[in-house]
Amino acid sequence: MTKFLIAALIVMGPAAAQTSEVQPKPSVTDREQVQADRAKAAAEERNAPTARPWDRDASGKRPWERSSVTK
């Protein structure tokens, strides 16, 4: 009797651990991924600040905003 109980516990243990089924997430197609990336880039472009510090020199002026050209 005890052998049957032990065997039943060993066999039923892994089956009892599988209580819920996980639904696989539907895969995103390449086209949908590209559309999402483009939408994200467009939103970032709209929200980007207009002041771009990387195109200014040490004095804070852009190269095309110089009032006098030095020779």
PDB file of N, CA and C in Angstrom:
ATOM      1  N   MET A   1       0.820  -1.194   0.000  1.00  0.00           N
ATOM      2  CA  MET A   1       0.000   0.000   0.000  1.00  0.00           C
ATOM      3  C   MET A   1       0.866   1.261   0.000  1.00  0.00           C
ATOM      4  N   THR A   2       1.897   1.288   0.818  1.00  0.00           N
ATOM      5  CA  THR A   2       2.742   2.480   0.868  1.00  0.00           C
ATOM      6  C   THR A   2       3.527   2.655  -0.427  1.00  0.00           C
ATOM      7  N   LYS A   3       3.894   1.530  -1.063  1.00  0.00           N
ATOM      8  CA  LYS A   3       4.604   1.632  -2.339  1.00  0.00           C
ATOM      9  C   LYS A   3       3.706   2.292  -3.395  1.00  0.00           C
ATOM     10  N   PHE A   4       2.433   1.935  -3.381  1.00  0.00           N
ATOM     11  CA  PHE A   4       1.491   2.528  -4.329  1.00  0.00           C
ATOM     12  C   PHE A   4       1.334   4.022  -4.063  1.00  0.00           C
ATOM     13  N   LEU A   5       1.273   4.418  -2.807  1.00  0.00           N
ATOM     14  CA  LEU A   5       1.132   5.831  -2.441  1.00  0.00           C
ATOM     15  C   LEU A   5       2.364   6.626  -2.852  1.00  0.00           C
ATOM     16  N   ILE A   6       3.541   6.085  -2.633  1.00  0.00           N
ATOM     17  CA  ILE A   6       4.782   6.769  -3.016  1.00  0.00           C
ATOM     18  C   ILE A   6       4.863   6.887  -4.536  1.00  0.00           C
ATOM     19  N   ALA A   7       4.518   5.817  -5.238  1.00  0.00           N
ATOM     20  CA  ALA A   7       4.553   5.856  -6.701  1.00  0.00           C
ATOM     21  C   ALA A   7       3.548   6.871  -7.239  1.00  0.00           C
ATOM     22  N   ALA A   8       2.383   6.943  -6.631  1.00  0.00           N
ATOM     23  CA  ALA A   8       1.373   7.904  -7.068  1.00  0.00           C
ATOM     24  C   ALA A   8       1.850   9.336  -6.835  1.00  0.00           C
ATOM     25  N   LEU A   9       2.502   9.593  -5.732  1.00  0.00           N
ATOM     26  CA  LEU A   9       3.022  10.940  -5.455  1.00  0.00           C
ATOM     27  C   LEU A   9       4.121  11.317  -6.441  1.00  0.00           C
ATOM     28  N   ILE A  10       4.967  10.369  -6.782  1.00  0.00           N
ATOM     29  CA  ILE A  10       6.057  10.648  -7.718  1.00  0.00           C
ATOM     30  C   ILE A  10       5.494  10.932  -9.109  1.00  0.00           C
ATOM     31  N   VAL A  11       4.494  10.182  -9.507  1.00  0.00           N
ATOM     32  CA  VAL A  11       3.917  10.350 -10.833  1.00  0.00           C
ATOM     33  C   VAL A  11       3.061  11.605 -10.908  1.00  0.00           C
ATOM     34  N   MET A  12       2.306  11.893  -9.876  1.00  0.00           N
ATOM     35  CA  MET A  12       1.380  13.024  -9.891  1.00  0.00           C
ATOM     36  C   MET A  12       2.051  14.358  -9.574  1.00  0.00           C
ATOM     37  N   GLY A  13       3.234  14.352  -9.008  1.00  0.00           N
ATOM     38  CA  GLY A  13       3.922  15.588  -8.636  1.00  0.00           C
ATOM     39  C   GLY A  13       4.140  16.541  -9.794  1.00  0.00           C
ATOM     40  N   PRO A  14       4.788  16.102 -10.869  1.00  0.00           N
ATOM     41  CA  PRO A  14       5.009  17.013 -12.008  1.00  0.00           C
ATOM     42  C   PRO A  14       3.713  17.454 -12.680  1.00  0.00           C
ATOM     43  N   ALA A  15       2.730  16.596 -12.711  1.00  0.00           N
ATOM     44  CA  ALA A  15       1.454  16.968 -13.334  1.00  0.00           C
ATOM     45  C   ALA A  15       0.733  18.017 -12.495  1.00  0.00           C
ATOM     46  N   ALA A  16       0.873  17.960 -11.188  1.00  0.00           N
ATOM     47  CA  ALA A  16       0.217  18.936 -10.321  1.00  0.00           C
ATOM     48  C   ALA A  16       0.888  20.308 -10.418  1.00  0.00           C
ATOM     49  N   ALA A  17       2.147  20.334 -10.808  1.00  0.00           N
ATOM     50  CA  ALA A  17       2.864  21.609 -10.909  1.00  0.00           C
ATOM     51  C   ALA A  17       2.403  22.413 -12.122  1.00  0.00           C
ATOM     52  N   GLN A  18       1.800  21.753 -13.091  1.00  0.00           N
ATOM     53  CA  GLN A  18       1.352  22.435 -14.307  1.00  0.00           C
ATOM     54  C   GLN A  18      -0.101  22.861 -14.145  1.00  0.00           C
ATOM     55  N   THR A  19      -0.314  23.893 -13.342  1.00  0.00           N
ATOM     56  CA  THR A  19      -1.679  24.303 -13.029  1.00  0.00           C
ATOM     57  C   THR A  19      -2.274  25.230 -14.080  1.00  0.00           C
ATOM     58  N   SER A  20      -1.486  26.115 -14.645  1.00  0.00           N
ATOM     59  CA  SER A  20      -2.054  27.058 -15.610  1.00  0.00           C
ATOM     60  C   SER A  20      -1.252  27.027 -16.903  1.00  0.00           C
ATOM     61  N   GLU A  21      -1.947  27.267 -17.982  1.00  0.00           N
ATOM     62  CA  GLU A  21      -1.310  27.303 -19.282  1.00  0.00           C
ATOM     63  C   GLU A  21      -0.967  28.748 -19.624  1.00  0.00           C
ATOM     64  N   VAL A  22       0.242  28.977 -20.026  1.00  0.00           N
ATOM     65  CA  VAL A  22       0.666  30.318 -20.410  1.00  0.00           C
ATOM     66  C   VAL A  22       0.399  30.484 -21.895  1.00  0.00           C
ATOM     67  N   GLN A  23      -0.375  31.497 -22.227  1.00  0.00           N
ATOM     68  CA  GLN A  23      -0.683  31.769 -23.627  1.00  0.00           C
ATOM     69  C   GLN A  23       0.536  32.436 -24.273  1.00  0.00           C
ATOM     70  N   PRO A  24       1.036  31.898 -25.367  1.00  0.00           N
ATOM     71  CA  PRO A  24       2.174  32.531 -26.022  1.00  0.00           C
ATOM     72  C   PRO A  24       1.766  33.876 -26.611  1.00  0.00           C
ATOM     73  N   LYS A  25       2.658  34.828 -26.471  1.00  0.00           N
ATOM     74  CA  LYS A  25       2.411  36.164 -27.009  1.00  0.00           C
ATOM     75  C   LYS A  25       2.496  36.105 -28.534  1.00  0.00           C
ATOM     76  N   PRO A  26       1.516  36.674 -29.223  1.00  0.00           N
ATOM     77  CA  PRO A  26       1.580  36.618 -30.687  1.00  0.00           C
ATOM     78  C   PRO A  26       2.805  37.379 -31.187  1.00  0.00           C
ATOM     79  N   SER A  27       3.504  36.768 -32.121  1.00  0.00           N
ATOM     80  CA  SER A  27       4.724  37.392 -32.615  1.00  0.00           C
ATOM     81  C   SER A  27       4.391  38.605 -33.473  1.00  0.00           C
ATOM     82  N   VAL A  28       5.257  39.580 -33.404  1.00  0.00           N
ATOM     83  CA  VAL A  28       5.091  40.811 -34.166  1.00  0.00           C
ATOM     84  C   VAL A  28       5.790  40.620 -35.502  1.00  0.00           C
ATOM     85  N   THR A  29       5.106  40.978 -36.558  1.00  0.00           N
ATOM     86  CA  THR A  29       5.709  40.840 -37.884  1.00  0.00           C
ATOM     87  C   THR A  29       6.764  41.932 -38.088  1.00  0.00           C
ATOM     88  N   ASP A  30       7.602  41.728 -39.079  1.00  0.00           N
ATOM     89  CA  ASP A  30       8.642  42.711 -39.374  1.00  0.00           C
ATOM     90  C   ASP A  30       8.028  44.055 -39.761  1.00  0.00           C
ATOM     91  N   ARG A  31       6.947  44.005 -40.519  1.00  0.00           N
ATOM     92  CA  ARG A  31       6.286  45.241 -40.955  1.00  0.00           C
ATOM     93  C   ARG A  31       5.749  46.021 -39.761  1.00  0.00           C
ATOM     94  N   GLU A  32       5.117  45.320 -38.815  1.00  0.00           N
ATOM     95  CA  GLU A  32       4.590  45.986 -37.626  1.00  0.00           C
ATOM     96  C   GLU A  32       5.717  46.565 -36.771  1.00  0.00           C
ATOM     97  N   GLN A  33       6.843  45.866 -36.699  1.00  0.00           N
ATOM     98  CA  GLN A  33       7.985  46.366 -35.933  1.00  0.00           C
ATOM     99  C   GLN A  33       8.550  47.628 -36.566  1.00  0.00           C
ATOM    100  N   VAL A  34       8.655  47.658 -37.895  1.00  0.00           N
ATOM    101  CA  VAL A  34       9.159  48.844 -38.590  1.00  0.00           C
ATOM    102  C   VAL A  34       8.211  50.022 -38.383  1.00  0.00           C
ATOM    103  N   GLN A  35       6.909  49.763 -38.481  1.00  0.00           N
ATOM    104  CA  GLN A  35       5.933  50.838 -38.265  1.00  0.00           C
ATOM    105  C   GLN A  35       6.028  51.382 -36.845  1.00  0.00           C
ATOM    106  N   ALA A  36       6.202  50.518 -35.870  1.00  0.00           N
ATOM    107  CA  ALA A  36       6.324  50.971 -34.480  1.00  0.00           C
ATOM    108  C   ALA A  36       7.600  51.786 -34.284  1.00  0.00           C
ATOM    109  N   ASP A  37       8.699  51.341 -34.893  1.00  0.00           N
ATOM    110  CA  ASP A  37       9.952  52.087 -34.775  1.00  0.00           C
ATOM    111  C   ASP A  37       9.859  53.460 -35.425  1.00  0.00           C
ATOM    112  N   ARG A  38       9.212  53.525 -36.581  1.00  0.00           N
ATOM    113  CA  ARG A  38       9.060  54.824 -37.261  1.00  0.00           C
ATOM    114  C   ARG A  38       8.154  55.764 -36.469  1.00  0.00           C
ATOM    115  N   ALA A  39       7.100  55.233 -35.883  1.00  0.00           N
ATOM    116  CA  ALA A  39       6.211  56.067 -35.077  1.00  0.00           C
ATOM    117  C   ALA A  39       6.937  56.591 -33.848  1.00  0.00           C
ATOM    118  N   LYS A  40       7.752  55.747 -33.246  1.00  0.00           N
ATOM    119  CA  LYS A  40       8.524  56.171 -32.066  1.00  0.00           C
ATOM    120  C   LYS A  40       9.529  57.260 -32.441  1.00  0.00           C
ATOM    121  N   ALA A  41      10.209  57.091 -33.581  1.00  0.00           N
ATOM    122  CA  ALA A  41      11.183  58.089 -34.023  1.00  0.00           C
ATOM    123  C   ALA A  41      10.486  59.412 -34.352  1.00  0.00           C
ATOM    124  N   ALA A  42       9.308  59.352 -34.953  1.00  0.00           N
ATOM    125  CA  ALA A  42       8.576  60.578 -35.278  1.00  0.00           C
ATOM    126  C   ALA A  42       8.131  61.287 -34.005  1.00  0.00           C
ATOM    127  N   ALA A  43       7.714  60.538 -33.007  1.00  0.00           N
ATOM    128  CA  ALA A  43       7.299  61.158 -31.746  1.00  0.00           C
ATOM    129  C   ALA A  43       8.488  61.801 -31.041  1.00  0.00           C
ATOM    130  N   GLU A  44       9.641  61.137 -31.092  1.00  0.00           N
ATOM    131  CA  GLU A  44      10.838  61.727 -30.481  1.00  0.00           C
ATOM    132  C   GLU A  44      11.276  62.980 -31.218  1.00  0.00           C
ATOM    133  N   GLU A  45      11.126  62.987 -32.534  1.00  0.00           N
ATOM    134  CA  GLU A  45      11.502  64.161 -33.326  1.00  0.00           C
ATOM    135  C   GLU A  45      10.598  65.348 -33.006  1.00  0.00           C
ATOM    136  N   ARG A  46       9.313  65.092 -32.818  1.00  0.00           N
ATOM    137  CA  ARG A  46       8.380  66.178 -32.477  1.00  0.00           C
ATOM    138  C   ARG A  46       8.672  66.742 -31.087  1.00  0.00           C
ATOM    139  N   ASN A  47       9.108  65.897 -30.179  1.00  0.00           N
ATOM    140  CA  ASN A  47       9.348  66.332 -28.803  1.00  0.00           C
ATOM    141  C   ASN A  47      10.786  66.785 -28.569  1.00  0.00           C
ATOM    142  N   ALA A  48      11.617  66.770 -29.586  1.00  0.00           N
ATOM    143  CA  ALA A  48      13.018  67.146 -29.431  1.00  0.00           C
ATOM    144  C   ALA A  48      13.144  68.652 -29.220  1.00  0.00           C
ATOM    145  N   PRO A  49      14.064  69.066 -28.398  1.00  0.00           N
ATOM    146  CA  PRO A  49      14.265  70.501 -28.203  1.00  0.00           C
ATOM    147  C   PRO A  49      14.859  71.132 -29.461  1.00  0.00           C
ATOM    148  N   THR A  50      14.547  72.398 -29.672  1.00  0.00           N
ATOM    149  CA  THR A  50      15.052  73.087 -30.865  1.00  0.00           C
ATOM    150  C   THR A  50      16.493  73.535 -30.682  1.00  0.00           C
ATOM    151  N   ALA A  51      16.917  73.768 -29.457  1.00  0.00           N
ATOM    152  CA  ALA A  51      18.296  74.168 -29.207  1.00  0.00           C
ATOM    153  C   ALA A  51      19.180  72.928 -29.233  1.00  0.00           C
ATOM    154  N   ARG A  52      20.090  72.890 -30.185  1.00  0.00           N
ATOM    155  CA  ARG A  52      20.989  71.751 -30.293  1.00  0.00           C
ATOM    156  C   ARG A  52      22.388  72.207 -29.918  1.00  0.00           C
ATOM    157  N   PRO A  53      22.867  71.858 -28.753  1.00  0.00           N
ATOM    158  CA  PRO A  53      24.170  72.357 -28.313  1.00  0.00           C
ATOM    159  C   PRO A  53      25.342  71.808 -29.118  1.00  0.00           C
ATOM    160  N   TRP A  54      25.178  70.704 -29.816  1.00  0.00           N
ATOM    161  CA  TRP A  54      26.305  70.109 -30.520  1.00  0.00           C
ATOM    162  C   TRP A  54      26.667  70.846 -31.804  1.00  0.00           C
ATOM    163  N   ASP A  55      25.799  71.741 -32.301  1.00  0.00           N
ATOM    164  CA  ASP A  55      26.164  72.462 -33.518  1.00  0.00           C
ATOM    165  C   ASP A  55      26.592  73.896 -33.207  1.00  0.00           C
ATOM    166  N   ARG A  56      27.041  74.156 -31.997  1.00  0.00           N
ATOM    167  CA  ARG A  56      27.505  75.485 -31.604  1.00  0.00           C
ATOM    168  C   ARG A  56      28.976  75.427 -31.195  1.00  0.00           C
ATOM    169  N   ASP A  57      29.660  76.554 -31.350  1.00  0.00           N
ATOM    170  CA  ASP A  57      31.055  76.595 -30.936  1.00  0.00           C
ATOM    171  C   ASP A  57      31.155  77.040 -29.471  1.00  0.00           C
ATOM    172  N   ALA A  58      32.337  77.338 -29.032  1.00  0.00           N
ATOM    173  CA  ALA A  58      32.561  77.687 -27.622  1.00  0.00           C
ATOM    174  C   ALA A  58      31.847  78.973 -27.222  1.00  0.00           C
ATOM    175  N   SER A  59      31.640  79.897 -28.149  1.00  0.00           N
ATOM    176  CA  SER A  59      30.962  81.147 -27.819  1.00  0.00           C
ATOM    177  C   SER A  59      29.435  80.998 -27.847  1.00  0.00           C
ATOM    178  N   GLY A  60      28.942  79.851 -28.246  1.00  0.00           N
ATOM    179  CA  GLY A  60      27.504  79.626 -28.272  1.00  0.00           C
ATOM    180  C   GLY A  60      26.847  79.969 -29.593  1.00  0.00           C
ATOM    181  N   LYS A  61      27.641  80.362 -30.600  1.00  0.00           N
ATOM    182  CA  LYS A  61      27.079  80.714 -31.895  1.00  0.00           C
ATOM    183  C   LYS A  61      27.268  79.567 -32.875  1.00  0.00           C
ATOM    184  N   ARG A  62      26.342  79.502 -33.807  1.00  0.00           N
ATOM    185  CA  ARG A  62      26.473  78.525 -34.883  1.00  0.00           C
ATOM    186  C   ARG A  62      27.408  79.098 -35.938  1.00  0.00           C
ATOM    187  N   PRO A  63      28.063  78.237 -36.703  1.00  0.00           N
ATOM    188  CA  PRO A  63      29.021  78.746 -37.696  1.00  0.00           C
ATOM    189  C   PRO A  63      28.388  79.680 -38.723  1.00  0.00           C
ATOM    190  N   TRP A  64      27.140  79.510 -39.061  1.00  0.00           N
ATOM    191  CA  TRP A  64      26.503  80.368 -40.059  1.00  0.00           C
ATOM    192  C   TRP A  64      25.880  81.624 -39.448  1.00  0.00           C
ATOM    193  N   GLU A  65      26.000  81.799 -38.129  1.00  0.00           N
ATOM    194  CA  GLU A  65      25.461  82.994 -37.472  1.00  0.00           C
ATOM    195  C   GLU A  65      26.546  84.016 -37.150  1.00  0.00           C
ATOM    196  N   ARG A  66      27.679  83.879 -37.700  1.00  0.00           N
ATOM    197  CA  ARG A  66      28.782  84.795 -37.400  1.00  0.00           C
ATOM    198  C   ARG A  66      28.492  86.164 -38.014  1.00  0.00           C
ATOM    199  N   SER A  67      28.711  87.197 -37.221  1.00  0.00           N
ATOM    200  CA  SER A  67      28.465  88.540 -37.745  1.00  0.00           C
ATOM    201  C   SER A  67      29.624  89.039 -38.586  1.00  0.00           C
ATOM    202  N   SER A  68      30.835  88.590 -38.254  1.00  0.00           N
ATOM    203  CA  SER A  68      31.994  89.010 -39.056  1.00  0.00           C
ATOM    204  C   SER A  68      32.824  87.787 -39.384  1.00  0.00           C
ATOM    205  N   VAL A  69      33.327  87.757 -40.580  1.00  0.00           N
ATOM    206  CA  VAL A  69      34.151  86.653 -41.018  1.00  0.00           C
ATOM    207  C   VAL A  69      35.607  87.024 -40.795  1.00  0.00           C
ATOM    208  N   THR A  70      36.346  86.185 -40.093  1.00  0.00           N
ATOM    209  CA  THR A  70      37.760  86.473 -39.833  1.00  0.00           C
ATOM    210  C   THR A  70      38.604  85.881 -40.960  1.00  0.00           C
ATOM    211  N   LYS A  71      39.619  86.627 -41.355  1.00  0.00           N
ATOM    212  CA  LYS A  71      40.513  86.161 -42.429  1.00  0.00           C
ATOM    213  C   LYS A  71      41.894  85.997 -41.927  1.00  0.00           C
TER     214      LYS A  71
END
